Amino acid sequence: MSPAEVQTVVVGLLRGLLSSSVFLLVVFLGFCVLFNFTKLRAINKNSQTVRSLDDRLSGGRYLSPDVPRGPADQLKTPELLEQSGRQVS
């Protein structure tokens, strides 16, 4: 193969890789933009779409640190209570 043929093959290979990369990038970004527009609409409390817990609670009601959080409170396990009892001097 002559240097001109090698150059043509390399340029063609680079052009193909670049064009397929740009195509995949455009498809990916288009998909992300298209399906994230649904998150920008206003959501009320009765909506079927929940973006975050704050949307569902709507009102800024947060739990205080001393409220039990279900049947297994991870902050009050026997192991942690025993360890904190030992650290007090």
PDB file of N, CA and C in Angstrom:
ATOM      1  N   MET A   1       0.842  -1.188   0.000  1.00  0.00           N
ATOM      2  CA  MET A   1       0.000   0.000   0.000  1.00  0.00           C
ATOM      3  C   MET A   1       0.883   1.247   0.000  1.00  0.00           C
ATOM      4  N   SER A   2       0.447   2.176  -0.748  1.00  0.00           N
ATOM      5  CA  SER A   2       1.208   3.421  -0.843  1.00  0.00           C
ATOM      6  C   SER A   2       0.801   4.343   0.317  1.00  0.00           C
ATOM      7  N   PRO A   3       1.632   5.330   0.617  1.00  0.00           N
ATOM      8  CA  PRO A   3       1.298   6.272   1.694  1.00  0.00           C
ATOM      9  C   PRO A   3      -0.021   7.012   1.457  1.00  0.00           C
ATOM     10  N   ALA A   4      -0.359   7.263   0.225  1.00  0.00           N
ATOM     11  CA  ALA A   4      -1.619   7.953  -0.060  1.00  0.00           C
ATOM     12  C   ALA A   4      -2.813   7.069   0.295  1.00  0.00           C
ATOM     13  N   GLU A   5      -2.705   5.757   0.026  1.00  0.00           N
ATOM     14  CA  GLU A   5      -3.784   4.841   0.369  1.00  0.00           C
ATOM     15  C   GLU A   5      -3.922   4.688   1.881  1.00  0.00           C
ATOM     16  N   VAL A   6      -2.789   4.624   2.584  1.00  0.00           N
ATOM     17  CA  VAL A   6      -2.816   4.523   4.049  1.00  0.00           C
ATOM     18  C   VAL A   6      -3.458   5.768   4.636  1.00  0.00           C
ATOM     19  N   GLN A   7      -3.111   6.927   4.114  1.00  0.00           N
ATOM     20  CA  GLN A   7      -3.685   8.170   4.597  1.00  0.00           C
ATOM     21  C   GLN A   7      -5.191   8.192   4.356  1.00  0.00           C
ATOM     22  N   THR A   8      -5.644   7.723   3.211  1.00  0.00           N
ATOM     23  CA  THR A   8      -7.072   7.681   2.902  1.00  0.00           C
ATOM     24  C   THR A   8      -7.809   6.757   3.867  1.00  0.00           C
ATOM     25  N   VAL A   9      -7.207   5.598   4.182  1.00  0.00           N
ATOM     26  CA  VAL A   9      -7.829   4.655   5.107  1.00  0.00           C
ATOM     27  C   VAL A   9      -7.897   5.251   6.507  1.00  0.00           C
ATOM     28  N   VAL A  10      -6.828   5.877   6.960  1.00  0.00           N
ATOM     29  CA  VAL A  10      -6.799   6.463   8.303  1.00  0.00           C
ATOM     30  C   VAL A  10      -7.803   7.604   8.407  1.00  0.00           C
ATOM     31  N   VAL A  11      -7.862   8.478   7.389  1.00  0.00           N
ATOM     32  CA  VAL A  11      -8.815   9.589   7.401  1.00  0.00           C
ATOM     33  C   VAL A  11     -10.248   9.063   7.398  1.00  0.00           C
ATOM     34  N   GLY A  12     -10.514   8.030   6.608  1.00  0.00           N
ATOM     35  CA  GLY A  12     -11.849   7.430   6.582  1.00  0.00           C
ATOM     36  C   GLY A  12     -12.228   6.820   7.917  1.00  0.00           C
ATOM     37  N   LEU A  13     -11.263   6.135   8.553  1.00  0.00           N
ATOM     38  CA  LEU A  13     -11.502   5.538   9.857  1.00  0.00           C
ATOM     39  C   LEU A  13     -11.799   6.612  10.902  1.00  0.00           C
ATOM     40  N   LEU A  14     -10.993   7.665  10.937  1.00  0.00           N
ATOM     41  CA  LEU A  14     -11.216   8.750  11.882  1.00  0.00           C
ATOM     42  C   LEU A  14     -12.551   9.454  11.640  1.00  0.00           C
ATOM     43  N   ARG A  15     -12.889   9.674  10.372  1.00  0.00           N
ATOM     44  CA  ARG A  15     -14.154  10.317  10.036  1.00  0.00           C
ATOM     45  C   ARG A  15     -15.340   9.453  10.488  1.00  0.00           C
ATOM     46  N   GLY A  16     -15.245   8.142  10.306  1.00  0.00           N
ATOM     47  CA  GLY A  16     -16.307   7.228  10.729  1.00  0.00           C
ATOM     48  C   GLY A  16     -16.470   7.202  12.244  1.00  0.00           C
ATOM     49  N   LEU A  17     -15.345   7.125  12.949  1.00  0.00           N
ATOM     50  CA  LEU A  17     -15.411   7.130  14.415  1.00  0.00           C
ATOM     51  C   LEU A  17     -15.974   8.440  14.948  1.00  0.00           C
ATOM     52  N   LEU A  18     -15.533   9.544  14.367  1.00  0.00           N
ATOM     53  CA  LEU A  18     -16.008  10.845  14.817  1.00  0.00           C
ATOM     54  C   LEU A  18     -17.494  11.023  14.542  1.00  0.00           C
ATOM     55  N   SER A  19     -17.945  10.631  13.354  1.00  0.00           N
ATOM     56  CA  SER A  19     -19.353  10.810  13.022  1.00  0.00           C
ATOM     57  C   SER A  19     -20.243   9.906  13.872  1.00  0.00           C
ATOM     58  N   SER A  20     -19.820   8.672  14.146  1.00  0.00           N
ATOM     59  CA  SER A  20     -20.639   7.803  14.994  1.00  0.00           C
ATOM     60  C   SER A  20     -20.650   8.290  16.437  1.00  0.00           C
ATOM     61  N   SER A  21     -19.534   8.834  16.904  1.00  0.00           N
ATOM     62  CA  SER A  21     -19.493   9.385  18.264  1.00  0.00           C
ATOM     63  C   SER A  21     -20.414  10.595  18.388  1.00  0.00           C
ATOM     64  N   VAL A  22     -20.376  11.470  17.418  1.00  0.00           N
ATOM     65  CA  VAL A  22     -21.250  12.653  17.449  1.00  0.00           C
ATOM     66  C   VAL A  22     -22.713  12.227  17.378  1.00  0.00           C
ATOM     67  N   PHE A  23     -23.038  11.244  16.545  1.00  0.00           N
ATOM     68  CA  PHE A  23     -24.411  10.758  16.439  1.00  0.00           C
ATOM     69  C   PHE A  23     -24.895  10.199  17.775  1.00  0.00           C
ATOM     70  N   LEU A  24     -24.089   9.362  18.420  1.00  0.00           N
ATOM     71  CA  LEU A  24     -24.491   8.797  19.711  1.00  0.00           C
ATOM     72  C   LEU A  24     -24.626   9.876  20.779  1.00  0.00           C
ATOM     73  N   LEU A  25     -23.764  10.862  20.752  1.00  0.00           N
ATOM     74  CA  LEU A  25     -23.856  11.957  21.704  1.00  0.00           C
ATOM     75  C   LEU A  25     -25.140  12.750  21.509  1.00  0.00           C
ATOM     76  N   VAL A  26     -25.492  13.026  20.271  1.00  0.00           N
ATOM     77  CA  VAL A  26     -26.731  13.761  19.980  1.00  0.00           C
ATOM     78  C   VAL A  26     -27.949  12.943  20.406  1.00  0.00           C
ATOM     79  N   VAL A  27     -27.943  11.652  20.138  1.00  0.00           N
ATOM     80  CA  VAL A  27     -29.069  10.805  20.549  1.00  0.00           C
ATOM     81  C   VAL A  27     -29.184  10.769  22.063  1.00  0.00           C
ATOM     82  N   PHE A  28     -28.069  10.602  22.751  1.00  0.00           N
ATOM     83  CA  PHE A  28     -28.088  10.548  24.214  1.00  0.00           C
ATOM     84  C   PHE A  28     -28.572  11.864  24.812  1.00  0.00           C
ATOM     85  N   LEU A  29     -28.023  12.975  24.367  1.00  0.00           N
ATOM     86  CA  LEU A  29     -28.445  14.273  24.894  1.00  0.00           C
ATOM     87  C   LEU A  29     -29.897  14.571  24.555  1.00  0.00           C
ATOM     88  N   GLY A  30     -30.328  14.215  23.364  1.00  0.00           N
ATOM     89  CA  GLY A  30     -31.724  14.417  22.995  1.00  0.00           C
ATOM     90  C   GLY A  30     -32.654  13.610  23.868  1.00  0.00           C
ATOM     91  N   PHE A  31     -32.291  12.375  24.149  1.00  0.00           N
ATOM     92  CA  PHE A  31     -33.101  11.529  25.022  1.00  0.00           C
ATOM     93  C   PHE A  31     -33.181  12.124  26.424  1.00  0.00           C
ATOM     94  N   CYS A  32     -32.047  12.556  26.951  1.00  0.00           N
ATOM     95  CA  CYS A  32     -32.037  13.136  28.300  1.00  0.00           C
ATOM     96  C   CYS A  32     -32.868  14.411  28.372  1.00  0.00           C
ATOM     97  N   VAL A  33     -32.721  15.272  27.395  1.00  0.00           N
ATOM     98  CA  VAL A  33     -33.470  16.534  27.394  1.00  0.00           C
ATOM     99  C   VAL A  33     -34.953  16.260  27.220  1.00  0.00           C
ATOM    100  N   LEU A  34     -35.320  15.381  26.315  1.00  0.00           N
ATOM    101  CA  LEU A  34     -36.718  15.102  26.036  1.00  0.00           C
ATOM    102  C   LEU A  34     -37.432  14.522  27.248  1.00  0.00           C
ATOM    103  N   PHE A  35     -36.817  13.580  27.930  1.00  0.00           N
ATOM    104  CA  PHE A  35     -37.494  12.937  29.046  1.00  0.00           C
ATOM    105  C   PHE A  35     -37.313  13.674  30.368  1.00  0.00           C
ATOM    106  N   ASN A  36     -36.458  14.671  30.436  1.00  0.00           N
ATOM    107  CA  ASN A  36     -36.358  15.475  31.653  1.00  0.00           C
ATOM    108  C   ASN A  36     -37.287  16.672  31.623  1.00  0.00           C
ATOM    109  N   PHE A  37     -37.856  17.005  30.467  1.00  0.00           N
ATOM    110  CA  PHE A  37     -38.818  18.103  30.431  1.00  0.00           C
ATOM    111  C   PHE A  37     -40.055  17.784  31.253  1.00  0.00           C
ATOM    112  N   THR A  38     -40.391  16.512  31.411  1.00  0.00           N
ATOM    113  CA  THR A  38     -41.567  16.167  32.208  1.00  0.00           C
ATOM    114  C   THR A  38     -41.361  16.503  33.678  1.00  0.00           C
ATOM    115  N   LYS A  39     -40.119  16.614  34.116  1.00  0.00           N
ATOM    116  CA  LYS A  39     -39.860  16.958  35.511  1.00  0.00           C
ATOM    117  C   LYS A  39     -40.015  18.447  35.774  1.00  0.00           C
ATOM    118  N   LEU A  40     -40.105  19.258  34.730  1.00  0.00           N
ATOM    119  CA  LEU A  40     -40.179  20.696  34.921  1.00  0.00           C
ATOM    120  C   LEU A  40     -41.601  21.199  35.108  1.00  0.00           C
ATOM    121  N   ARG A  41     -42.594  20.333  34.958  1.00  0.00           N
ATOM    122  CA  ARG A  41     -43.970  20.793  35.108  1.00  0.00           C
ATOM    123  C   ARG A  41     -44.302  20.925  36.588  1.00  0.00           C
ATOM    124  N   ALA A  42     -45.299  21.746  36.870  1.00  0.00           N
ATOM    125  CA  ALA A  42     -45.707  21.951  38.256  1.00  0.00           C
ATOM    126  C   ALA A  42     -46.354  20.682  38.792  1.00  0.00           C
ATOM    127  N   ILE A  43     -46.043  20.345  40.020  1.00  0.00           N
ATOM    128  CA  ILE A  43     -46.578  19.132  40.633  1.00  0.00           C
ATOM    129  C   ILE A  43     -47.298  19.519  41.911  1.00  0.00           C
ATOM    130  N   ASN A  44     -48.537  19.076  42.021  1.00  0.00           N
ATOM    131  CA  ASN A  44     -49.252  19.311  43.266  1.00  0.00           C
ATOM    132  C   ASN A  44     -49.222  18.041  44.108  1.00  0.00           C
ATOM    133  N   LYS A  45     -49.863  18.067  45.253  1.00  0.00           N
ATOM    134  CA  LYS A  45     -49.779  16.942  46.181  1.00  0.00           C
ATOM    135  C   LYS A  45     -50.466  15.690  45.642  1.00  0.00           C
ATOM    136  N   ASN A  46     -51.457  15.841  44.765  1.00  0.00           N
ATOM    137  CA  ASN A  46     -52.209  14.696  44.255  1.00  0.00           C
ATOM    138  C   ASN A  46     -51.679  14.178  42.929  1.00  0.00           C
ATOM    139  N   SER A  47     -50.567  14.674  42.472  1.00  0.00           N
ATOM    140  CA  SER A  47     -50.013  14.270  41.186  1.00  0.00           C
ATOM    141  C   SER A  47     -49.463  12.847  41.253  1.00  0.00           C
ATOM    142  N   GLN A  48     -49.475  12.163  40.113  1.00  0.00           N
ATOM    143  CA  GLN A  48     -48.929  10.815  40.039  1.00  0.00           C
ATOM    144  C   GLN A  48     -47.406  10.827  39.945  1.00  0.00           C
ATOM    145  N   THR A  49     -46.817  11.955  39.559  1.00  0.00           N
ATOM    146  CA  THR A  49     -45.377  12.059  39.417  1.00  0.00           C
ATOM    147  C   THR A  49     -44.787  12.664  40.684  1.00  0.00           C
ATOM    148  N   VAL A  50     -43.797  11.994  41.256  1.00  0.00           N
ATOM    149  CA  VAL A  50     -43.126  12.496  42.453  1.00  0.00           C
ATOM    150  C   VAL A  50     -41.658  12.672  42.105  1.00  0.00           C
ATOM    151  N   ARG A  51     -41.178  13.914  42.138  1.00  0.00           N
ATOM    152  CA  ARG A  51     -39.769  14.167  41.834  1.00  0.00           C
ATOM    153  C   ARG A  51     -38.897  13.962  43.052  1.00  0.00           C
ATOM    154  N   SER A  52     -39.426  14.312  44.218  1.00  0.00           N
ATOM    155  CA  SER A  52     -38.644  14.154  45.435  1.00  0.00           C
ATOM    156  C   SER A  52     -39.595  14.027  46.617  1.00  0.00           C
ATOM    157  N   LEU A  53     -39.047  13.698  47.758  1.00  0.00           N
ATOM    158  CA  LEU A  53     -39.859  13.582  48.960  1.00  0.00           C
ATOM    159  C   LEU A  53     -40.442  14.937  49.344  1.00  0.00           C
ATOM    160  N   ASP A  54     -39.704  15.988  49.078  1.00  0.00           N
ATOM    161  CA  ASP A  54     -40.189  17.326  49.389  1.00  0.00           C
ATOM    162  C   ASP A  54     -41.434  17.669  48.568  1.00  0.00           C
ATOM    163  N   ASP A  55     -41.495  17.214  47.320  1.00  0.00           N
ATOM    164  CA  ASP A  55     -42.697  17.422  46.512  1.00  0.00           C
ATOM    165  C   ASP A  55     -43.891  16.711  47.127  1.00  0.00           C
ATOM    166  N   ARG A  56     -43.674  15.519  47.625  1.00  0.00           N
ATOM    167  CA  ARG A  56     -44.774  14.749  48.194  1.00  0.00           C
ATOM    168  C   ARG A  56     -45.248  15.361  49.514  1.00  0.00           C
ATOM    169  N   LEU A  57     -44.319  15.782  50.343  1.00  0.00           N
ATOM    170  CA  LEU A  57     -44.706  16.340  51.643  1.00  0.00           C
ATOM    171  C   LEU A  57     -45.231  17.763  51.511  1.00  0.00           C
ATOM    172  N   SER A  58     -44.629  18.541  50.654  1.00  0.00           N
ATOM    173  CA  SER A  58     -45.013  19.929  50.361  1.00  0.00           C
ATOM    174  C   SER A  58     -45.474  20.698  51.589  1.00  0.00           C
ATOM    175  N   GLY A  59     -44.583  21.345  52.197  1.00  0.00           N
ATOM    176  CA  GLY A  59     -44.911  22.148  53.352  1.00  0.00           C
ATOM    177  C   GLY A  59     -43.737  22.266  54.293  1.00  0.00           C
ATOM    178  N   GLY A  60     -42.656  21.617  53.965  1.00  0.00           N
ATOM    179  CA  GLY A  60     -41.469  21.731  54.791  1.00  0.00           C
ATOM    180  C   GLY A  60     -41.588  21.021  56.117  1.00  0.00           C
ATOM    181  N   ARG A  61     -42.407  19.993  56.197  1.00  0.00           N
ATOM    182  CA  ARG A  61     -42.535  19.259  57.452  1.00  0.00           C
ATOM    183  C   ARG A  61     -41.404  18.246  57.532  1.00  0.00           C
ATOM    184  N   TYR A  62     -40.492  18.463  58.426  1.00  0.00           N
ATOM    185  CA  TYR A  62     -39.360  17.566  58.596  1.00  0.00           C
ATOM    186  C   TYR A  62     -39.429  16.940  59.975  1.00  0.00           C
ATOM    187  N   LEU A  63     -38.853  15.761  60.114  1.00  0.00           N
ATOM    188  CA  LEU A  63     -38.834  15.082  61.403  1.00  0.00           C
ATOM    189  C   LEU A  63     -37.732  15.669  62.282  1.00  0.00           C
ATOM    190  N   SER A  64     -38.041  15.792  63.561  1.00  0.00           N
ATOM    191  CA  SER A  64     -37.013  16.258  64.483  1.00  0.00           C
ATOM    192  C   SER A  64     -36.066  15.100  64.794  1.00  0.00           C
ATOM    193  N   PRO A  65     -34.868  15.374  65.300  1.00  0.00           N
ATOM    194  CA  PRO A  65     -33.884  14.310  65.522  1.00  0.00           C
ATOM    195  C   PRO A  65     -34.304  13.267  66.548  1.00  0.00           C
ATOM    196  N   ASP A  66     -35.205  13.599  67.473  1.00  0.00           N
ATOM    197  CA  ASP A  66     -35.566  12.644  68.512  1.00  0.00           C
ATOM    198  C   ASP A  66     -36.814  11.823  68.182  1.00  0.00           C
ATOM    199  N   VAL A  67     -37.374  11.973  67.000  1.00  0.00           N
ATOM    200  CA  VAL A  67     -38.553  11.207  66.601  1.00  0.00           C
ATOM    201  C   VAL A  67     -38.109   9.813  66.176  1.00  0.00           C
ATOM    202  N   PRO A  68     -38.768   8.735  66.689  1.00  0.00           N
ATOM    203  CA  PRO A  68     -38.414   7.392  66.253  1.00  0.00           C
ATOM    204  C   PRO A  68     -38.717   7.219  64.764  1.00  0.00           C
ATOM    205  N   ARG A  69     -37.869   6.497  64.073  1.00  0.00           N
ATOM    206  CA  ARG A  69     -38.007   6.346  62.625  1.00  0.00           C
ATOM    207  C   ARG A  69     -38.334   4.902  62.249  1.00  0.00           C
ATOM    208  N   GLY A  70     -39.423   4.398  62.779  1.00  0.00           N
ATOM    209  CA  GLY A  70     -39.853   3.063  62.412  1.00  0.00           C
ATOM    210  C   GLY A  70     -39.490   2.031  63.456  1.00  0.00           C
ATOM    211  N   PRO A  71     -39.711   0.750  63.145  1.00  0.00           N
ATOM    212  CA  PRO A  71     -39.482  -0.302  64.135  1.00  0.00           C
ATOM    213  C   PRO A  71     -38.004  -0.493  64.497  1.00  0.00           C
ATOM    214  N   ALA A  72     -37.092  -0.120  63.616  1.00  0.00           N
ATOM    215  CA  ALA A  72     -35.666  -0.282  63.899  1.00  0.00           C
ATOM    216  C   ALA A  72     -34.987   1.076  63.747  1.00  0.00           C
ATOM    217  N   ASP A  73     -34.830   1.775  64.850  1.00  0.00           N
ATOM    218  CA  ASP A  73     -34.163   3.065  64.822  1.00  0.00           C
ATOM    219  C   ASP A  73     -32.661   2.827  64.843  1.00  0.00           C
ATOM    220  N   GLN A  74     -31.984   3.134  63.750  1.00  0.00           N
ATOM    221  CA  GLN A  74     -30.566   2.817  63.622  1.00  0.00           C
ATOM    222  C   GLN A  74     -29.696   3.638  64.558  1.00  0.00           C
ATOM    223  N   LEU A  75     -30.199   4.756  65.039  1.00  0.00           N
ATOM    224  CA  LEU A  75     -29.409   5.574  65.954  1.00  0.00           C
ATOM    225  C   LEU A  75     -29.505   5.089  67.396  1.00  0.00           C
ATOM    226  N   LYS A  76     -30.429   4.170  67.659  1.00  0.00           N
ATOM    227  CA  LYS A  76     -30.604   3.706  69.033  1.00  0.00           C
ATOM    228  C   LYS A  76     -30.456   2.188  69.127  1.00  0.00           C
ATOM    229  N   THR A  77     -29.534   1.620  68.376  1.00  0.00           N
ATOM    230  CA  THR A  77     -29.277   0.181  68.455  1.00  0.00           C
ATOM    231  C   THR A  77     -28.514  -0.115  69.745  1.00  0.00           C
ATOM    232  N   PRO A  78     -28.653  -1.333  70.266  1.00  0.00           N
ATOM    233  CA  PRO A  78     -27.935  -1.667  71.507  1.00  0.00           C
ATOM    234  C   PRO A  78     -26.424  -1.494  71.386  1.00  0.00           C
ATOM    235  N   GLU A  79     -25.885  -1.787  70.204  1.00  0.00           N
ATOM    236  CA  GLU A  79     -24.437  -1.659  70.026  1.00  0.00           C
ATOM    237  C   GLU A  79     -23.995  -0.203  70.159  1.00  0.00           C
ATOM    238  N   LEU A  80     -24.741   0.708  69.543  1.00  0.00           N
ATOM    239  CA  LEU A  80     -24.367   2.120  69.619  1.00  0.00           C
ATOM    240  C   LEU A  80     -24.583   2.691  71.007  1.00  0.00           C
ATOM    241  N   LEU A  81     -25.673   2.260  71.661  1.00  0.00           N
ATOM    242  CA  LEU A  81     -25.905   2.748  73.029  1.00  0.00           C
ATOM    243  C   LEU A  81     -24.822   2.244  73.976  1.00  0.00           C
ATOM    244  N   GLU A  82     -24.385   0.996  73.798  1.00  0.00           N
ATOM    245  CA  GLU A  82     -23.319   0.456  74.639  1.00  0.00           C
ATOM    246  C   GLU A  82     -22.008   1.191  74.379  1.00  0.00           C
ATOM    247  N   GLN A  83     -21.725   1.459  73.129  1.00  0.00           N
ATOM    248  CA  GLN A  83     -20.474   2.137  72.778  1.00  0.00           C
ATOM    249  C   GLN A  83     -20.478   3.586  73.299  1.00  0.00           C
ATOM    250  N   SER A  84     -21.601   4.263  73.215  1.00  0.00           N
ATOM    251  CA  SER A  84     -21.638   5.639  73.711  1.00  0.00           C
ATOM    252  C   SER A  84     -21.569   5.661  75.226  1.00  0.00           C
ATOM    253  N   GLY A  85     -22.051   4.610  75.905  1.00  0.00           N
ATOM    254  CA  GLY A  85     -21.944   4.529  77.355  1.00  0.00           C
ATOM    255  C   GLY A  85     -20.505   4.357  77.808  1.00  0.00           C
ATOM    256  N   ARG A  86     -19.717   3.660  77.029  1.00  0.00           N
ATOM    257  CA  ARG A  86     -18.308   3.459  77.373  1.00  0.00           C
ATOM    258  C   ARG A  86     -17.477   4.722  77.161  1.00  0.00           C
ATOM    259  N   GLN A  87     -17.854   5.538  76.223  1.00  0.00           N
ATOM    260  CA  GLN A  87     -17.054   6.726  75.897  1.00  0.00           C
ATOM    261  C   GLN A  87     -17.216   7.832  76.943  1.00  0.00           C
ATOM    262  N   VAL A  88     -18.305   7.814  77.686  1.00  0.00           N
ATOM    263  CA  VAL A  88     -18.515   8.848  78.702  1.00  0.00           C
ATOM    264  C   VAL A  88     -17.561   8.603  79.852  1.00  0.00           C
ATOM    265  N   SER A  89     -16.735   9.593  80.163  1.00  0.00           N
ATOM    266  CA  SER A  89     -15.742   9.428  81.237  1.00  0.00           C
ATOM    267  C   SER A  89     -16.082  10.295  82.407  1.00  0.00           C
TER     268      SER A  89
END
